[in-house]
């Protein structure tokens, strides 16, 4: 029901932009490191940079 109402509003007023037109462009993201470039040494409590990278990559 609310989908039909939203479609009616968009038909009447046009789609709403996701961000205002005067917002600046976001900065470019740097390249992500490759897991082989990360250290396998223990950081703390058995965690390494590679293990943290793999956990974050799965998210």
Protein backbone atom coordinates (compact mmCIF):
# COMPACT_ATOMS: atom_id res chain seq x y z
CA UNK A 1 0.00 0.00 0.00
CA UNK A 2 2.73 2.48 0.91
CA UNK A 3 4.59 1.52 -2.28
CA UNK A 4 1.65 2.73 -4.35
CA UNK A 5 1.56 5.96 -2.35
CA UNK A 6 5.29 6.52 -2.88
CA UNK A 7 4.87 5.83 -6.61
CA UNK A 8 2.05 8.38 -6.76
CA UNK A 9 4.17 11.03 -5.04
CA UNK A 10 7.10 10.35 -7.38
CA UNK A 11 4.78 10.55 -10.38
CA UNK A 12 3.45 13.90 -9.18
CA UNK A 13 6.71 15.53 -8.04
CA UNK A 14 9.46 13.49 -9.67
CA UNK A 15 12.05 11.34 -7.92
CA UNK A 16 13.92 12.91 -5.02
CA UNK A 17 17.71 13.11 -5.47
CA UNK A 18 19.80 11.11 -3.03
CA UNK A 19 22.03 14.09 -2.24
CA UNK A 20 21.66 17.83 -2.83
CA UNK A 21 23.12 19.00 -6.13
CA UNK A 22 25.56 21.37 -4.43
CA UNK A 23 27.30 18.69 -2.33
CA UNK A 24 30.98 18.26 -3.24
CA UNK A 25 32.20 15.03 -4.75
CA UNK A 26 33.68 12.61 -2.22
CA UNK A 27 37.44 12.09 -2.28
CA UNK A 28 38.73 9.19 -4.33
CA UNK A 29 39.41 6.03 -2.39
CA UNK A 30 42.89 4.61 -2.37
CA UNK A 31 43.47 1.07 -3.55
CA UNK A 32 42.82 -1.66 -1.00
CA UNK A 33 45.89 -3.56 0.13
CA UNK A 34 46.35 -7.11 -1.06
CA UNK A 35 46.39 -9.65 1.81
CA UNK A 36 49.85 -10.84 0.75
CA UNK A 37 51.17 -7.31 1.34
CA UNK A 38 50.01 -7.39 4.97
CA UNK A 39 52.04 -8.70 7.83
CA UNK A 40 51.39 -12.17 9.18
CA UNK A 41 53.05 -11.24 12.46
CA UNK A 42 51.00 -11.37 15.64
CA UNK A 43 49.55 -7.93 16.49
CA UNK A 44 47.78 -8.86 19.72
CA UNK A 45 46.00 -11.92 21.08
CA UNK A 46 46.69 -14.00 17.98
CA UNK A 47 45.44 -11.42 15.46
CA UNK A 48 47.52 -10.44 12.46
CA UNK A 49 46.97 -7.81 9.77
CA UNK A 50 46.07 -10.62 7.35
CA UNK A 51 43.48 -12.09 9.74
CA UNK A 52 41.88 -8.67 10.31
CA UNK A 53 41.79 -8.02 6.54
CA UNK A 54 40.05 -11.35 5.91
CA UNK A 55 37.42 -10.69 8.61
CA UNK A 56 36.69 -7.22 7.22
CA UNK A 57 36.60 -8.47 3.61
CA UNK A 58 33.84 -10.96 4.52
CA UNK A 59 31.56 -8.18 5.78
